[in-house]
Amino acid sequence: MNKILHAVVLVFFGFACWFLSMMLKMPTMIGRSSGVQMPAFTRLCVAYGPLLMAGLALSALAYCIYVWTRKVENRATWIGFLATSLSALFLVLMPTVVAMYITLVDFINRSIVH
């Protein structure tokens, strides 16, 4: 049961990482449509966000493989893995939301002026 729950958490974590990396494509779409350059923080998040997501997903996969292959009676619980993965996801979510918000506010400000 513990292995199955680790797999479930891993699948949802992988989906959330994919969704966040897709969210980081939205500022690029707004920047292209307006023809102006994105703010610096947004460019930083767009450039390194998907790499960070891939790194988080691969490290979660490596941990799950470690848990599934070791032959110890006292296995790691899935609750600790869930808490750690959600904490990492939350720490990456906040800069993503800020990057999207900065781009959206910049786009609205430029639209109102012109």
Protein backbone atom coordinates (compact mmCIF):
# COMPACT_ATOMS: atom_id res chain seq x y z
CA MET A 1 0.00 0.00 0.00
CA ASN A 2 2.87 2.35 0.82
CA LYS A 3 4.39 1.88 -2.64
CA ILE A 4 1.07 2.60 -4.34
CA LEU A 5 0.56 5.78 -2.33
CA HIS A 6 4.09 6.92 -3.20
CA ALA A 7 3.21 6.37 -6.86
CA VAL A 8 -0.03 8.34 -6.54
CA VAL A 9 1.77 11.27 -4.92
CA LEU A 10 4.46 11.10 -7.61
CA VAL A 11 1.89 11.18 -10.43
CA PHE A 12 0.06 14.18 -8.98
CA PHE A 13 3.34 15.95 -8.25
CA GLY A 14 4.50 15.37 -11.82
CA PHE A 15 1.23 16.72 -13.16
CA ALA A 16 1.49 19.80 -10.93
CA CYS A 17 5.07 20.43 -12.11
CA TRP A 18 3.92 20.16 -15.73
CA PHE A 19 1.02 22.53 -15.06
CA LEU A 20 3.34 25.09 -13.43
CA SER A 21 5.76 24.94 -16.33
CA MET A 22 2.83 25.54 -18.71
CA MET A 23 1.74 28.48 -16.57
CA LEU A 24 5.16 30.00 -17.17
CA LYS A 25 4.43 30.10 -20.89
CA MET A 26 1.59 32.58 -20.36
CA PRO A 27 3.83 35.62 -19.75
CA THR A 28 5.62 34.82 -22.99
CA MET A 29 2.31 34.88 -24.85
CA ILE A 30 1.36 38.23 -23.35
CA GLY A 31 4.80 39.66 -24.13
CA ARG A 32 4.64 38.53 -27.75
CA SER A 33 1.19 39.94 -28.35
CA SER A 34 2.07 43.38 -27.01
CA GLY A 35 5.50 43.53 -28.64
CA VAL A 36 7.28 44.75 -25.50
CA GLN A 37 9.96 43.10 -23.45
CA MET A 38 8.91 41.25 -20.29
CA PRO A 39 10.07 42.43 -16.85
CA ALA A 40 13.40 41.01 -15.67
CA PHE A 41 11.97 38.78 -12.92
CA THR A 42 9.50 37.29 -15.37
CA ARG A 43 12.26 36.58 -17.89
CA LEU A 44 14.25 34.87 -15.14
CA CYS A 45 11.30 32.70 -14.09
CA VAL A 46 10.41 31.83 -17.68
CA ALA A 47 14.00 30.89 -18.46
CA TYR A 48 14.74 28.72 -15.41
CA GLY A 49 11.27 27.65 -14.23
CA PRO A 50 10.84 24.61 -16.50
CA LEU A 51 14.36 23.41 -15.66
CA LEU A 52 13.57 23.70 -11.96
CA MET A 53 10.30 21.82 -12.47
CA ALA A 54 12.09 19.03 -14.31
CA GLY A 55 14.70 18.84 -11.55
CA LEU A 56 12.03 18.60 -8.87
CA ALA A 57 10.12 15.92 -10.77
CA LEU A 58 13.28 13.88 -11.41
CA SER A 59 14.38 14.10 -7.77
CA ALA A 60 10.91 12.95 -6.66
CA LEU A 61 11.14 10.05 -9.11
CA ALA A 62 14.60 9.14 -7.80
CA TYR A 63 13.29 9.15 -4.23
CA CYS A 64 10.36 6.93 -5.17
CA ILE A 65 12.68 4.47 -6.91
CA TYR A 66 14.83 4.45 -3.78
CA VAL A 67 11.81 3.75 -1.57
CA TRP A 68 10.48 1.04 -3.90
CA THR A 69 13.77 -0.84 -4.22
CA ARG A 70 15.10 -0.90 -0.69
CA LYS A 71 14.38 -4.01 1.35
CA VAL A 72 13.89 -2.62 4.82
CA GLU A 73 10.95 -3.47 7.02
CA ASN A 74 10.66 0.12 8.26
CA ARG A 75 9.77 1.92 5.02
CA ALA A 76 9.39 5.66 4.68
CA THR A 77 5.80 6.78 4.94
CA TRP A 78 4.05 8.46 2.06
CA ILE A 79 2.91 11.33 4.28
CA GLY A 80 6.44 12.68 4.58
CA PHE A 81 6.87 12.48 0.82
CA LEU A 82 3.56 14.27 0.31
CA ALA A 83 4.50 17.05 2.72
CA THR A 84 7.92 17.53 1.16
CA SER A 85 6.66 17.53 -2.42
CA LEU A 86 3.85 19.97 -1.66
CA SER A 87 6.23 22.28 0.18
CA ALA A 88 8.62 22.31 -2.78
CA LEU A 89 5.72 22.91 -5.13
CA PHE A 90 4.46 25.80 -3.02
CA LEU A 91 7.92 27.39 -2.93
CA VAL A 92 8.03 27.30 -6.73
CA LEU A 93 4.41 28.37 -7.14
CA MET A 94 4.85 31.73 -5.40
CA PRO A 95 7.50 33.15 -7.79
CA THR A 96 5.49 31.78 -10.73
CA VAL A 97 2.38 33.65 -9.63
CA VAL A 98 4.40 36.82 -9.05
CA ALA A 99 6.00 36.54 -12.50
CA MET A 100 2.60 36.14 -14.13
CA TYR A 101 1.12 39.00 -12.13
CA ILE A 102 3.97 41.38 -12.94
CA THR A 103 3.60 40.68 -16.65
CA LEU A 104 -0.17 41.09 -16.55
CA VAL A 105 0.02 44.39 -14.65
CA ASP A 106 2.70 45.67 -17.03
CA PHE A 107 0.55 44.71 -20.02
CA ILE A 108 -2.52 46.44 -18.55
CA ASN A 109 -0.54 49.57 -17.73
CA ARG A 110 0.84 49.76 -21.26
CA SER A 111 -2.62 49.17 -22.73
CA ILE A 112 -4.20 51.97 -20.72
CA VAL A 113 -1.51 54.50 -21.60
CA HIS A 114 -1.83 53.92 -25.35
